[in-house]
Protein backbone atom coordinates (compact mmCIF):
# COMPACT_ATOMS: atom_id res chain seq x y z
CA UNK A 1 47.99 -57.72 12.10
CA UNK A 2 47.38 -60.13 9.33
CA UNK A 3 43.63 -59.73 9.67
CA UNK A 4 43.91 -55.89 9.47
CA UNK A 5 46.13 -56.25 6.36
CA UNK A 6 43.49 -58.54 4.75
CA UNK A 7 40.79 -56.02 5.42
CA UNK A 8 42.86 -53.16 4.00
CA UNK A 9 43.55 -55.12 0.78
CA UNK A 10 39.88 -55.96 0.47
CA UNK A 11 38.80 -52.39 0.99
CA UNK A 12 41.27 -51.24 -1.65
CA UNK A 13 40.09 -53.80 -4.14
CA UNK A 14 36.42 -52.84 -3.69
CA UNK A 15 37.21 -49.10 -4.11
CA UNK A 16 39.18 -49.87 -7.25
CA UNK A 17 36.33 -51.96 -8.64
CA UNK A 18 33.86 -49.21 -8.01
CA UNK A 19 36.07 -46.63 -9.59
CA UNK A 20 36.54 -48.72 -12.75
CA UNK A 21 32.82 -49.38 -12.89
CA UNK A 22 32.01 -45.70 -12.90
CA UNK A 23 34.15 -45.14 -16.04
CA UNK A 24 32.73 -45.29 -19.60
CA UNK A 25 34.68 -47.32 -22.10
CA UNK A 26 34.44 -47.67 -25.74
CA UNK A 27 36.48 -48.94 -28.72
CA UNK A 28 38.64 -51.98 -29.33
CA UNK A 29 41.79 -50.24 -28.19
CA UNK A 30 40.62 -49.82 -24.68
CA UNK A 31 40.88 -46.06 -24.58
CA UNK A 32 38.52 -44.45 -22.07
CA UNK A 33 35.64 -42.43 -23.57
CA UNK A 34 34.02 -40.39 -20.83
CA UNK A 35 30.34 -39.80 -20.80
CA UNK A 36 29.28 -36.25 -21.51
CA UNK A 37 26.51 -33.91 -20.50
CA UNK A 38 25.45 -31.38 -23.11
CA UNK A 39 24.37 -27.97 -21.82
CA UNK A 40 21.49 -26.53 -23.96
CA UNK A 41 20.41 -22.94 -23.94
CA UNK A 42 17.17 -22.38 -25.90
CA UNK A 43 16.50 -18.79 -26.86
CA UNK A 44 14.02 -16.55 -28.59
CA UNK A 45 13.78 -14.59 -25.40
CA UNK A 46 14.90 -16.53 -22.33
CA UNK A 47 13.01 -19.75 -21.69
CA UNK A 48 11.55 -20.42 -18.22
CA UNK A 49 11.41 -23.40 -15.98
CA UNK A 50 10.02 -26.73 -17.26
CA UNK A 51 10.44 -26.57 -21.08
CA UNK A 52 11.09 -30.04 -22.48
CA UNK A 53 14.53 -30.70 -24.02
CA UNK A 54 15.16 -33.78 -26.15
CA UNK A 55 18.28 -35.10 -27.96
CA UNK A 56 18.17 -37.41 -31.02
CA UNK A 57 20.83 -39.18 -33.08
CA UNK A 58 20.95 -37.12 -36.28
CA UNK A 59 21.87 -40.09 -38.47
CA UNK A 60 19.41 -42.73 -37.17
CA UNK A 61 16.85 -40.58 -35.46
CA UNK A 62 17.22 -42.68 -32.28
CA UNK A 63 16.21 -40.99 -29.02
CA UNK A 64 19.15 -40.21 -26.70
CA UNK A 65 18.05 -38.16 -23.69
CA UNK A 66 15.56 -35.77 -22.26
CA UNK A 67 15.41 -33.22 -19.45
CA UNK A 68 13.69 -30.03 -18.45
CA UNK A 69 14.97 -26.43 -18.40
CA UNK A 70 15.96 -25.07 -15.00
CA UNK A 71 15.16 -21.68 -13.53
CA UNK A 72 17.96 -20.19 -15.66
CA UNK A 73 16.38 -21.44 -18.82
CA UNK A 74 19.02 -24.02 -19.51
CA UNK A 75 18.86 -27.78 -19.61
CA UNK A 76 21.45 -30.56 -19.32
CA UNK A 77 21.20 -33.63 -21.59
CA UNK A 78 23.23 -36.69 -20.59
CA UNK A 79 24.49 -37.75 -24.02
CA UNK A 80 26.92 -40.31 -22.64
CA UNK A 81 29.35 -41.62 -25.28
CA UNK A 82 27.43 -40.33 -28.25
CA UNK A 83 29.30 -37.80 -30.29
CA UNK A 84 26.99 -36.89 -33.13
CA UNK A 85 25.47 -35.87 -35.46
CA UNK A 86 22.88 -34.53 -33.09
CA UNK A 87 19.36 -32.92 -33.15
CA UNK A 88 18.06 -31.08 -30.13
CA UNK A 89 14.44 -30.05 -29.76
CA UNK A 90 13.03 -27.75 -27.08
CA UNK A 91 9.24 -27.36 -26.66
CA UNK A 92 6.84 -25.91 -24.15
CA UNK A 93 4.84 -28.33 -22.05
CA UNK A 94 3.00 -28.30 -18.82
CA UNK A 95 1.04 -25.29 -17.72
CA UNK A 96 3.26 -22.55 -16.43
CA UNK A 97 6.11 -23.00 -18.94
CA UNK A 98 7.03 -19.55 -20.39
CA UNK A 99 9.31 -17.74 -22.77
CA UNK A 100 10.21 -14.09 -22.59
CA UNK A 101 8.46 -12.17 -25.40
CA UNK A 102 10.43 -8.98 -26.23
CA UNK A 103 7.98 -8.19 -29.08
CA UNK A 104 5.14 -7.03 -26.78
CA UNK A 105 4.39 -3.46 -26.07
CA UNK A 106 5.18 -4.28 -22.54
CA UNK A 107 7.69 -7.27 -22.84
CA UNK A 108 6.88 -10.13 -20.44
CA UNK A 109 7.03 -13.87 -19.96
CA UNK A 110 4.28 -15.54 -22.04
CA UNK A 111 3.00 -19.21 -22.10
CA UNK A 112 4.94 -21.55 -24.28
CA UNK A 113 2.62 -24.35 -25.72
CA UNK A 114 3.63 -27.99 -25.98
CA UNK A 115 3.67 -27.75 -29.83
CA UNK A 116 5.72 -24.55 -29.87
CA UNK A 117 9.24 -25.86 -30.53
CA UNK A 118 12.65 -24.82 -31.64
CA UNK A 119 15.27 -27.24 -32.92
CA UNK A 120 19.02 -27.24 -33.59
CA UNK A 121 21.18 -29.66 -35.50
CA UNK A 122 24.90 -30.11 -35.03
CA UNK A 123 27.28 -32.33 -37.12
CA UNK A 124 28.97 -33.30 -33.88
CA UNK A 125 28.74 -32.48 -30.19
CA UNK A 126 31.17 -29.58 -29.49
CA UNK A 127 34.60 -30.49 -28.26
CA UNK A 128 35.63 -30.12 -24.70
CA UNK A 129 34.68 -31.49 -21.32
CA UNK A 130 31.69 -29.23 -20.97
CA UNK A 131 30.04 -28.94 -24.43
CA UNK A 132 27.16 -26.51 -24.91
CA UNK A 133 24.99 -25.41 -27.82
CA UNK A 134 22.17 -22.84 -28.37
CA UNK A 135 18.79 -23.62 -29.83
CA UNK A 136 17.53 -20.50 -31.49
CA UNK A 137 15.48 -19.21 -34.49
CA UNK A 138 18.64 -19.44 -36.64
CA UNK A 139 19.38 -23.05 -35.64
CA UNK A 140 15.75 -23.92 -36.30
CA UNK A 141 15.77 -22.51 -39.84
CA UNK A 142 19.09 -24.33 -40.52
CA UNK A 143 17.82 -27.70 -39.16
CA UNK A 144 14.75 -27.53 -41.34
CA UNK A 145 16.95 -26.75 -44.29
CA UNK A 146 18.98 -29.81 -43.51
CA UNK A 147 15.93 -31.99 -43.61
CA UNK A 148 14.93 -32.22 -39.94
CA UNK A 149 11.25 -32.40 -39.20
CA UNK A 150 10.71 -30.50 -35.97
CA UNK A 151 7.42 -32.26 -35.26
CA UNK A 152 9.06 -35.72 -35.39
CA UNK A 153 12.91 -35.78 -35.52
CA UNK A 154 12.83 -39.58 -35.94
CA UNK A 155 13.84 -41.51 -37.90
CA UNK A 156 16.84 -40.18 -39.72
CA UNK A 157 16.90 -36.48 -38.77
CA UNK A 158 19.84 -35.59 -40.94
CA UNK A 159 23.42 -36.59 -41.83
CA UNK A 160 26.41 -34.70 -40.62
CA UNK A 161 27.06 -33.38 -44.13
CA UNK A 162 23.48 -32.18 -44.56
CA UNK A 163 23.52 -30.55 -41.13
CA UNK A 164 26.82 -28.68 -41.89
CA UNK A 165 25.39 -27.55 -45.24
CA UNK A 166 22.19 -26.27 -43.70
CA UNK A 167 23.97 -24.38 -40.90
CA UNK A 168 26.35 -22.79 -43.37
CA UNK A 169 23.59 -21.76 -45.75
CA UNK A 170 21.55 -20.15 -43.12
CA UNK A 171 24.41 -18.41 -41.54
CA UNK A 172 25.45 -16.97 -44.92
CA UNK A 173 21.88 -16.04 -45.86
CA UNK A 174 21.02 -14.21 -42.66
CA UNK A 175 24.35 -13.01 -41.28
CA UNK A 176 26.73 -13.13 -44.25
CA UNK A 177 29.56 -15.43 -45.33
CA UNK A 178 32.19 -13.18 -43.69
CA UNK A 179 30.33 -12.78 -40.39
CA UNK A 180 32.42 -13.99 -37.45
CA UNK A 181 30.88 -12.33 -34.37
CA UNK A 182 29.21 -15.55 -33.38
CA UNK A 183 28.17 -18.90 -34.83
CA UNK A 184 24.58 -19.99 -34.97
CA UNK A 185 25.26 -22.98 -32.69
CA UNK A 186 26.89 -20.69 -30.04
CA UNK A 187 25.27 -20.29 -26.67
CA UNK A 188 23.26 -17.02 -26.65
CA UNK A 189 22.57 -14.74 -23.65
CA UNK A 190 18.96 -13.74 -24.42
CA UNK A 191 16.89 -10.92 -22.85
CA UNK A 192 14.86 -11.98 -19.85
CA UNK A 193 12.40 -10.44 -17.46
CA UNK A 194 13.72 -8.82 -14.34
CA UNK A 195 16.49 -6.37 -15.29
CA UNK A 196 19.46 -5.49 -17.36
CA UNK A 197 22.15 -8.16 -18.13
CA UNK A 198 25.49 -6.90 -17.03
CA UNK A 199 27.44 -10.16 -16.87
CA UNK A 200 27.95 -12.66 -19.75
CA UNK A 201 30.10 -13.84 -22.58
CA UNK A 202 30.30 -10.93 -25.10
CA UNK A 203 29.78 -13.26 -28.05
CA UNK A 204 26.72 -14.81 -26.40
CA UNK A 205 25.36 -11.39 -25.51
CA UNK A 206 25.68 -10.23 -29.20
CA UNK A 207 23.88 -13.38 -30.36
CA UNK A 208 21.10 -12.90 -27.81
CA UNK A 209 20.67 -9.26 -28.79
CA UNK A 210 20.57 -10.13 -32.49
CA UNK A 211 17.84 -12.80 -31.78
CA UNK A 212 15.82 -10.28 -29.78
CA UNK A 213 16.08 -7.66 -32.50
CA UNK A 214 15.12 -10.21 -35.15
CA UNK A 215 12.07 -11.23 -33.12
CA UNK A 216 10.93 -7.61 -32.89
CA UNK A 217 11.45 -7.17 -36.62
CA UNK A 218 9.52 -10.30 -37.61
CA UNK A 219 6.68 -9.38 -35.20
CA UNK A 220 6.35 -5.94 -36.77
CA UNK A 221 6.22 -7.49 -40.32
CA UNK A 222 3.61 -10.13 -39.47
CA UNK A 223 1.18 -8.50 -37.15
CA UNK A 224 -0.61 -10.96 -34.83
CA UNK A 225 1.53 -13.93 -35.81
CA UNK A 226 3.68 -15.13 -32.91
CA UNK A 227 7.43 -14.76 -33.24
CA UNK A 228 7.93 -18.53 -32.98
CA UNK A 229 5.28 -19.00 -35.72
CA UNK A 230 7.26 -16.47 -37.80
CA UNK A 231 10.44 -18.58 -37.31
CA UNK A 232 8.55 -21.58 -38.60
CA UNK A 233 7.46 -19.53 -41.68
CA UNK A 234 11.02 -18.41 -42.33
CA UNK A 235 12.17 -22.00 -42.13
CA UNK A 236 9.65 -22.97 -44.75
CA UNK A 237 10.67 -20.11 -46.99
CA UNK A 238 14.33 -21.05 -46.76
CA UNK A 239 13.64 -24.70 -47.48
CA UNK A 240 11.55 -23.70 -50.54
CA UNK A 241 14.61 -22.07 -52.20
CA UNK A 242 16.45 -18.76 -52.31
CA UNK A 243 13.82 -17.04 -54.43
CA UNK A 244 11.29 -17.68 -51.66
CA UNK A 245 13.52 -16.35 -48.89
CA UNK A 246 13.44 -12.65 -49.76
CA UNK A 247 11.36 -11.85 -46.66
CA UNK A 248 14.43 -12.52 -44.52
CA UNK A 249 16.15 -9.53 -46.01
CA UNK A 250 13.50 -7.21 -44.57
CA UNK A 251 13.73 -9.11 -41.26
CA UNK A 252 17.53 -8.63 -41.09
CA UNK A 253 17.20 -4.99 -42.03
CA UNK A 254 14.65 -4.48 -39.32
CA UNK A 255 16.78 -6.31 -36.79
CA UNK A 256 19.78 -4.14 -37.54
CA UNK A 257 17.72 -1.00 -37.00
CA UNK A 258 16.50 -2.29 -33.60
CA UNK A 259 19.92 -3.37 -32.19
CA UNK A 260 20.64 -0.01 -30.43
CA UNK A 261 17.31 -0.09 -28.68
CA UNK A 262 17.78 -3.73 -27.71
CA UNK A 263 21.15 -2.94 -26.26
CA UNK A 264 19.78 -0.05 -24.21
CA UNK A 265 16.78 -2.04 -22.96
CA UNK A 266 18.30 -5.36 -21.96
CA UNK A 267 22.05 -5.13 -21.66
CA UNK A 268 24.58 -3.15 -19.67
CA UNK A 269 26.54 -0.28 -21.10
CA UNK A 270 29.63 -2.42 -21.39
CA UNK A 271 27.97 -4.45 -24.11
CA UNK A 272 26.56 -1.56 -26.16
CA UNK A 273 29.41 -1.08 -28.58
CA UNK A 274 29.62 -4.81 -29.43
CA UNK A 275 25.90 -5.13 -30.04
CA UNK A 276 25.64 -1.93 -32.11
CA UNK A 277 28.80 -2.85 -33.98
CA UNK A 278 26.96 -5.86 -35.48
CA UNK A 279 25.14 -3.39 -37.81
CA UNK A 280 28.32 -2.77 -39.76
CA UNK A 281 29.22 -6.47 -40.24
CA UNK A 282 25.86 -8.01 -41.25
CA UNK A 283 26.03 -9.02 -44.88
CA UNK A 284 23.07 -11.32 -45.56
CA UNK A 285 23.20 -13.18 -48.89
CA UNK A 286 19.62 -14.33 -49.16
CA UNK A 287 19.84 -15.56 -52.81
CA UNK A 288 23.04 -17.44 -52.33
CA UNK A 289 24.91 -15.89 -55.14
CA UNK A 290 27.88 -14.85 -53.11
CA UNK A 291 27.04 -11.18 -53.08
CA UNK A 292 25.54 -9.59 -49.98
CA UNK A 293 21.84 -8.86 -50.51
CA UNK A 294 22.13 -6.02 -48.13
CA UNK A 295 25.08 -3.68 -48.93
CA UNK A 296 27.58 -2.79 -46.22
CA UNK A 297 26.09 -0.47 -43.60
CA UNK A 298 28.38 2.18 -42.16
CA UNK A 299 28.68 2.05 -38.38
CA UNK A 300 26.18 4.48 -36.79
CA UNK A 301 24.05 4.83 -39.88
CA UNK A 302 20.91 3.01 -39.06
CA UNK A 303 17.35 2.99 -40.43
CA UNK A 304 17.20 5.19 -43.57
CA UNK A 305 20.22 3.44 -45.15
CA UNK A 306 18.83 -0.09 -44.62
CA UNK A 307 17.01 -0.18 -47.87
CA UNK A 308 19.35 -1.83 -50.39
CA UNK A 309 18.35 -5.24 -51.79
């Protein structure tokens, strides 16, 4: 009986030790700080399997983690106890990595090269046990505005204050200061090959639809230039200053005009009103003077009225 008791106590002690060893701890007060995994959804159109995701410390530029996108186009980055500021970069890579291109006459998955990248910068990892962010054309422009070099995010990608300022400026310039349908760091639900999207977070659907409409608009305005290359160009314009960013107004006007078609092509009927409703709330302030560069657009009046600058 005593031998059995000793074995039971020993087993309990080993289990407790293993349990404690699995926990992450930080700080002098002994409070537990659990390790986190950040879900990242890159989007222009939906990304395919195998795109390279990387996370960097926004303050020091130190490398944090890397992974590849799965078949759903998402990747999971084990950020551990790190809480931000953060820079995430997603690039193409090995042969076979694709992104859905909704700008083609016949939309399809197209190759995504190793040097074709989108970045996002966040002042902190989102709160909650399952944090997630999107990496999109809007986050890319904002990250560049904050001082992030997409080609080499290290060292010193950007401070939390600079990142916050860049995200706010781009949100106001492209969407409007009063725009609340989605935030640029929200997780989008982008168009993808293989059918209509009928399930998803409405906010993410609206974001994904806007990105698709913006891609179509920029492709029409730039001819043969790829839509990711156009994102890079827009980022350069924004960083150069408000007076250089006037092209974005035409891009946003064009995106607004294309939203109904995007809704019909890629999303279920239940999402149509929310997507088309974005037209009435877009108020881009490209010159940063606090006045919408594009005047309010009445719901349902699309195309001919999108001319004010």
